[in-house]
Amino acid sequence: MPKTVSASEAKTQFGSIMNWSVERQDDVIVESRGRPKVVIIPFEEYERLRTLREAARRQEALARLESLREEVRARAKGLNREEAESVTDRFAREVIAEMAQEGKVDYQSD
């Protein structure tokens, strides 16, 4: 069960709070003025959360790309191959630029 401490307690007893979290493999919620502000978690838990966040980010990117593919297919009906490739390229660049701007993917344009 997570432990809750005040910000001032966290400041004065950081080492012991950190050890408590690691030894018990549990979270410590740090409150300021009675409101939760941050959580101290064991490093292994942090790594697990990072992995989950990255998986979610990739899943979202894949879903956006699949949606883009369907949009391109719908718009490309009746186009010749060269026109379809041009439309595909334009849509892909727009979506990737948008996702990069939102911080969802790392991408440097040409």
C-alpha atoms as a PDB file:
ATOM      1  CA  MET A   1       0.000   0.000   0.000  1.00  0.00           C
ATOM      2  CA  PRO A   2       1.499   3.382  -0.964  1.00  0.00           C
ATOM      3  CA  LYS A   3       2.814   5.641   1.734  1.00  0.00           C
ATOM      4  CA  THR A   4       1.890   9.356   1.742  1.00  0.00           C
ATOM      5  CA  VAL A   5       4.216  12.066   3.053  1.00  0.00           C
ATOM      6  CA  SER A   6       4.246  15.842   2.989  1.00  0.00           C
ATOM      7  CA  ALA A   7       6.715  17.727   0.813  1.00  0.00           C
ATOM      8  CA  SER A   8       8.535  19.004   3.889  1.00  0.00           C
ATOM      9  CA  GLU A   9       8.835  15.456   5.268  1.00  0.00           C
ATOM     10  CA  ALA A  10      10.125  14.254   1.892  1.00  0.00           C
ATOM     11  CA  LYS A  11      12.697  17.047   1.931  1.00  0.00           C
ATOM     12  CA  THR A  12      14.031  16.284   5.400  1.00  0.00           C
ATOM     13  CA  GLN A  13      13.824  12.476   5.203  1.00  0.00           C
ATOM     14  CA  PHE A  14      14.460  11.807   1.531  1.00  0.00           C
ATOM     15  CA  GLY A  15      17.022   9.042   2.087  1.00  0.00           C
ATOM     16  CA  SER A  16      14.837   7.039   4.438  1.00  0.00           C
ATOM     17  CA  ILE A  17      11.765   7.544   2.235  1.00  0.00           C
ATOM     18  CA  MET A  18      13.718   6.391  -0.803  1.00  0.00           C
ATOM     19  CA  ASN A  19      14.953   3.314   1.103  1.00  0.00           C
ATOM     20  CA  TRP A  20      11.403   2.544   2.278  1.00  0.00           C
ATOM     21  CA  SER A  21      10.200   2.587  -1.334  1.00  0.00           C
ATOM     22  CA  VAL A  22      13.013   0.329  -2.541  1.00  0.00           C
ATOM     23  CA  GLU A  23      12.824  -2.134   0.364  1.00  0.00           C
ATOM     24  CA  ARG A  24       9.060  -2.534   0.149  1.00  0.00           C
ATOM     25  CA  GLN A  25       8.857  -2.156  -3.637  1.00  0.00           C
ATOM     26  CA  ASP A  26       6.055   0.333  -3.057  1.00  0.00           C
ATOM     27  CA  ASP A  27       5.246   3.918  -3.942  1.00  0.00           C
ATOM     28  CA  VAL A  28       5.543   7.048  -1.838  1.00  0.00           C
ATOM     29  CA  ILE A  29       3.114   9.838  -2.682  1.00  0.00           C
ATOM     30  CA  VAL A  30       4.453  13.298  -1.896  1.00  0.00           C
ATOM     31  CA  GLU A  31       1.810  15.892  -1.139  1.00  0.00           C
ATOM     32  CA  SER A  32       2.026  19.659  -1.068  1.00  0.00           C
ATOM     33  CA  ARG A  33      -0.713  21.449   0.848  1.00  0.00           C
ATOM     34  CA  GLY A  34      -2.633  18.202   1.066  1.00  0.00           C
ATOM     35  CA  ARG A  35      -2.603  17.543  -2.688  1.00  0.00           C
ATOM     36  CA  PRO A  36      -0.580  14.797  -4.406  1.00  0.00           C
ATOM     37  CA  LYS A  37       2.246  16.277  -6.481  1.00  0.00           C
ATOM     38  CA  VAL A  38       4.762  13.520  -7.237  1.00  0.00           C
ATOM     39  CA  VAL A  39       5.382   9.856  -6.554  1.00  0.00           C
ATOM     40  CA  ILE A  40       8.633   8.201  -5.590  1.00  0.00           C
ATOM     41  CA  ILE A  41       8.779   4.721  -7.082  1.00  0.00           C
ATOM     42  CA  PRO A  42      11.431   1.993  -7.233  1.00  0.00           C
ATOM     43  CA  PHE A  43      13.589   2.210 -10.351  1.00  0.00           C
ATOM     44  CA  GLU A  44      12.373  -1.155 -11.672  1.00  0.00           C
ATOM     45  CA  GLU A  45       8.806   0.151 -11.598  1.00  0.00           C
ATOM     46  CA  TYR A  46       9.914   3.297 -13.440  1.00  0.00           C
ATOM     47  CA  GLU A  47      11.515   1.170 -16.159  1.00  0.00           C
ATOM     48  CA  ARG A  48       8.330  -0.892 -16.468  1.00  0.00           C
ATOM     49  CA  LEU A  49       6.253   2.286 -16.819  1.00  0.00           C
ATOM     50  CA  ARG A  50       8.617   3.638 -19.472  1.00  0.00           C
ATOM     51  CA  THR A  51       8.256   0.405 -21.425  1.00  0.00           C
ATOM     52  CA  LEU A  52       4.459   0.595 -21.191  1.00  0.00           C
ATOM     53  CA  ARG A  53       4.451   4.253 -22.283  1.00  0.00           C
ATOM     54  CA  GLU A  54       6.650   3.451 -25.263  1.00  0.00           C
ATOM     55  CA  ALA A  55       4.420   0.538 -26.247  1.00  0.00           C
ATOM     56  CA  ALA A  56       1.339   2.773 -26.012  1.00  0.00           C
ATOM     57  CA  ARG A  57       3.072   5.472 -28.071  1.00  0.00           C
ATOM     58  CA  ARG A  58       3.988   2.961 -30.759  1.00  0.00           C
ATOM     59  CA  GLN A  59       0.483   1.488 -30.763  1.00  0.00           C
ATOM     60  CA  GLU A  60      -0.997   4.952 -31.218  1.00  0.00           C
ATOM     61  CA  ALA A  61       1.439   5.708 -34.043  1.00  0.00           C
ATOM     62  CA  LEU A  62       0.545   2.418 -35.745  1.00  0.00           C
ATOM     63  CA  ALA A  63      -3.181   3.150 -35.437  1.00  0.00           C
ATOM     64  CA  ARG A  64      -2.660   6.608 -36.947  1.00  0.00           C
ATOM     65  CA  LEU A  65      -0.668   5.135 -39.833  1.00  0.00           C
ATOM     66  CA  GLU A  66      -3.312   2.461 -40.461  1.00  0.00           C
ATOM     67  CA  SER A  67      -5.966   5.172 -40.493  1.00  0.00           C
ATOM     68  CA  LEU A  68      -3.820   7.145 -42.918  1.00  0.00           C
ATOM     69  CA  ARG A  69      -3.512   4.105 -45.166  1.00  0.00           C
ATOM     70  CA  GLU A  70      -7.293   3.751 -45.336  1.00  0.00           C
ATOM     71  CA  GLU A  71      -7.712   7.476 -46.030  1.00  0.00           C
ATOM     72  CA  VAL A  72      -5.146   7.329 -48.804  1.00  0.00           C
ATOM     73  CA  ARG A  73      -6.797   4.265 -50.330  1.00  0.00           C
ATOM     74  CA  ALA A  74     -10.162   6.029 -50.335  1.00  0.00           C
ATOM     75  CA  ARG A  75      -8.744   9.173 -51.926  1.00  0.00           C
ATOM     76  CA  ALA A  76      -6.540   7.322 -54.411  1.00  0.00           C
ATOM     77  CA  LYS A  77      -9.394   5.546 -56.187  1.00  0.00           C
ATOM     78  CA  GLY A  78      -9.354   6.522 -59.825  1.00  0.00           C
ATOM     79  CA  LEU A  79      -5.778   7.878 -59.747  1.00  0.00           C
ATOM     80  CA  ASN A  80      -2.924   6.486 -61.794  1.00  0.00           C
ATOM     81  CA  ARG A  81       0.041   5.006 -59.936  1.00  0.00           C
ATOM     82  CA  GLU A  82       2.137   8.172 -60.033  1.00  0.00           C
ATOM     83  CA  GLU A  83      -0.730  10.321 -58.725  1.00  0.00           C
ATOM     84  CA  ALA A  84      -1.507   7.788 -55.990  1.00  0.00           C
ATOM     85  CA  GLU A  85       2.137   7.716 -54.859  1.00  0.00           C
ATOM     86  CA  SER A  86       2.204  11.514 -54.754  1.00  0.00           C
ATOM     87  CA  VAL A  87      -0.944  11.613 -52.599  1.00  0.00           C
ATOM     88  CA  THR A  88       0.431   8.876 -50.342  1.00  0.00           C
ATOM     89  CA  ASP A  89       3.721  10.708 -49.893  1.00  0.00           C
ATOM     90  CA  ARG A  90       1.972  13.981 -49.058  1.00  0.00           C
ATOM     91  CA  PHE A  91      -0.354  12.385 -46.486  1.00  0.00           C
ATOM     92  CA  ALA A  92       2.455  10.424 -44.873  1.00  0.00           C
ATOM     93  CA  ARG A  93       4.630  13.517 -44.508  1.00  0.00           C
ATOM     94  CA  GLU A  94       1.736  15.508 -43.021  1.00  0.00           C
ATOM     95  CA  VAL A  95       0.870  12.830 -40.455  1.00  0.00           C
ATOM     96  CA  ILE A  96       4.493  12.227 -39.474  1.00  0.00           C
ATOM     97  CA  ALA A  97       5.119  15.978 -39.100  1.00  0.00           C
ATOM     98  CA  GLU A  98       1.995  16.309 -36.951  1.00  0.00           C
ATOM     99  CA  MET A  99       3.001  13.374 -34.749  1.00  0.00           C
ATOM    100  CA  ALA A 100       6.535  14.762 -34.383  1.00  0.00           C
ATOM    101  CA  GLN A 101       5.132  18.150 -33.395  1.00  0.00           C
ATOM    102  CA  GLU A 102       2.960  16.441 -30.752  1.00  0.00           C
ATOM    103  CA  GLY A 103       6.046  14.622 -29.440  1.00  0.00           C
ATOM    104  CA  LYS A 104       4.679  11.208 -30.339  1.00  0.00           C
ATOM    105  CA  VAL A 105       7.552  10.282 -32.664  1.00  0.00           C
ATOM    106  CA  ASP A 106      11.113  11.458 -33.164  1.00  0.00           C
ATOM    107  CA  TYR A 107      11.571  12.578 -36.738  1.00  0.00           C
ATOM    108  CA  GLN A 108      13.828  14.982 -38.598  1.00  0.00           C
ATOM    109  CA  SER A 109      12.509  16.030 -42.012  1.00  0.00           C
ATOM    110  CA  ASP A 110      14.802  16.068 -45.041  1.00  0.00           C
END
